[in-house]
Amino acid sequence: AICIFFPGVHGGVGPCRTPGSNYDANALFPTVARRLAEEEGSAIDCYRCSWPFMCPTMEYAVGAACRVLHHALLQALGGEAAPAAAAE
């Protein structure tokens, strides 16, 4: 399974962090990712998408999401691209 975390419009730090910090190991995204990964028998890859600036356009955000998903799927397939469908 693949889990992708998305930030709000302010960037990539994520919710529930300690105010004034750029990274907080106990913020929402790292806490949920850690719990998913530690779950017995879990096979979940977690990714966090972040924006390099505030308020990205929908086009930018969707493009970034597609790139993260593409990378995650390639990793799940062992780095191999899926075979193209045969033309009929």
Protein backbone atom coordinates (compact mmCIF):
# COMPACT_ATOMS: atom_id res chain seq x y z
CA ALA A 1 0.00 0.00 0.00
CA ILE A 2 1.06 3.59 -0.55
CA CYS A 3 0.27 6.51 1.77
CA ILE A 4 0.94 10.06 0.56
CA PHE A 5 0.74 13.00 2.96
CA PHE A 6 -0.09 16.43 1.56
CA PRO A 7 0.52 19.75 3.31
CA GLY A 8 -1.83 22.69 3.46
CA VAL A 9 -1.25 25.78 1.37
CA HIS A 10 1.61 26.98 3.61
CA GLY A 11 4.18 24.39 2.62
CA GLY A 12 5.52 21.05 3.73
CA VAL A 13 5.98 21.16 7.49
CA GLY A 14 2.61 19.58 8.16
CA PRO A 15 0.05 20.04 10.92
CA CYS A 16 0.54 19.61 14.69
CA ARG A 17 4.19 20.65 14.77
CA THR A 18 5.78 22.59 17.59
CA PRO A 19 5.35 26.31 16.79
CA GLY A 20 8.50 27.91 15.42
CA SER A 21 10.07 24.66 14.23
CA ASN A 22 10.67 23.48 10.68
CA TYR A 23 10.64 19.83 11.68
CA ASP A 24 8.98 18.06 14.57
CA ALA A 25 9.33 14.28 14.86
CA ASN A 26 6.06 14.21 16.80
CA ALA A 27 3.99 16.23 14.32
CA LEU A 28 1.04 14.55 12.63
CA PHE A 29 2.72 13.27 9.41
CA PRO A 30 5.79 11.64 11.01
CA THR A 31 3.70 10.19 13.84
CA VAL A 32 1.17 8.56 11.50
CA ALA A 33 3.92 7.35 9.13
CA ARG A 34 5.84 5.83 12.04
CA ARG A 35 2.75 4.05 13.36
CA LEU A 36 1.86 2.71 9.92
CA ALA A 37 5.40 1.41 9.41
CA GLU A 38 5.54 -0.19 12.87
CA GLU A 39 2.21 -1.99 12.45
CA GLU A 40 2.72 -5.77 12.57
CA GLY A 41 2.59 -7.20 9.03
CA SER A 42 2.36 -3.72 7.53
CA ALA A 43 3.52 -3.18 3.96
CA ILE A 44 2.84 0.53 3.66
CA ASP A 45 5.26 2.98 2.01
CA CYS A 46 4.76 6.54 3.24
CA TYR A 47 5.64 9.67 1.24
CA ARG A 48 5.27 13.33 2.15
CA CYS A 49 4.67 15.84 -0.61
CA SER A 50 5.73 19.41 0.17
CA TRP A 51 5.51 22.69 -1.69
CA PRO A 52 8.55 24.95 -2.16
CA PHE A 53 6.30 28.01 -1.78
CA MET A 54 2.93 29.04 -0.32
CA CYS A 55 -0.35 28.63 -2.18
CA PRO A 56 0.70 26.53 -5.19
CA THR A 57 -1.63 26.51 -8.17
CA MET A 58 -3.86 23.48 -8.60
CA GLU A 59 -1.87 22.55 -11.72
CA TYR A 60 1.40 22.57 -9.76
CA ALA A 61 -0.08 20.62 -6.82
CA VAL A 62 -1.67 17.94 -9.01
CA GLY A 63 1.52 17.62 -11.07
CA ALA A 64 3.57 17.18 -7.90
CA ALA A 65 1.10 14.60 -6.57
CA CYS A 66 1.32 12.64 -9.83
CA ARG A 67 5.13 12.66 -9.71
CA VAL A 68 5.17 11.42 -6.11
CA LEU A 69 2.63 8.70 -6.94
CA HIS A 70 4.63 7.69 -10.04
CA HIS A 71 7.79 7.35 -7.95
CA ALA A 72 5.93 5.37 -5.27
CA LEU A 73 4.48 2.98 -7.85
CA LEU A 74 7.90 2.42 -9.45
CA GLN A 75 9.35 1.65 -6.01
CA ALA A 76 6.48 -0.74 -5.27
CA LEU A 77 7.15 -2.53 -8.57
CA GLY A 78 10.83 -2.87 -7.73
CA GLY A 79 11.98 -0.02 -9.94
CA GLU A 80 10.59 -1.58 -13.11
CA ALA A 81 8.21 0.25 -15.38
CA ALA A 82 4.96 -1.56 -16.05
CA PRO A 83 4.88 -3.23 -19.48
CA ALA A 84 3.01 -1.31 -22.15
CA ALA A 85 -0.29 -2.78 -23.29
CA ALA A 86 -0.01 -4.67 -26.56
CA ALA A 87 -1.44 -2.83 -29.54
CA GLU A 88 -4.19 -4.75 -31.27
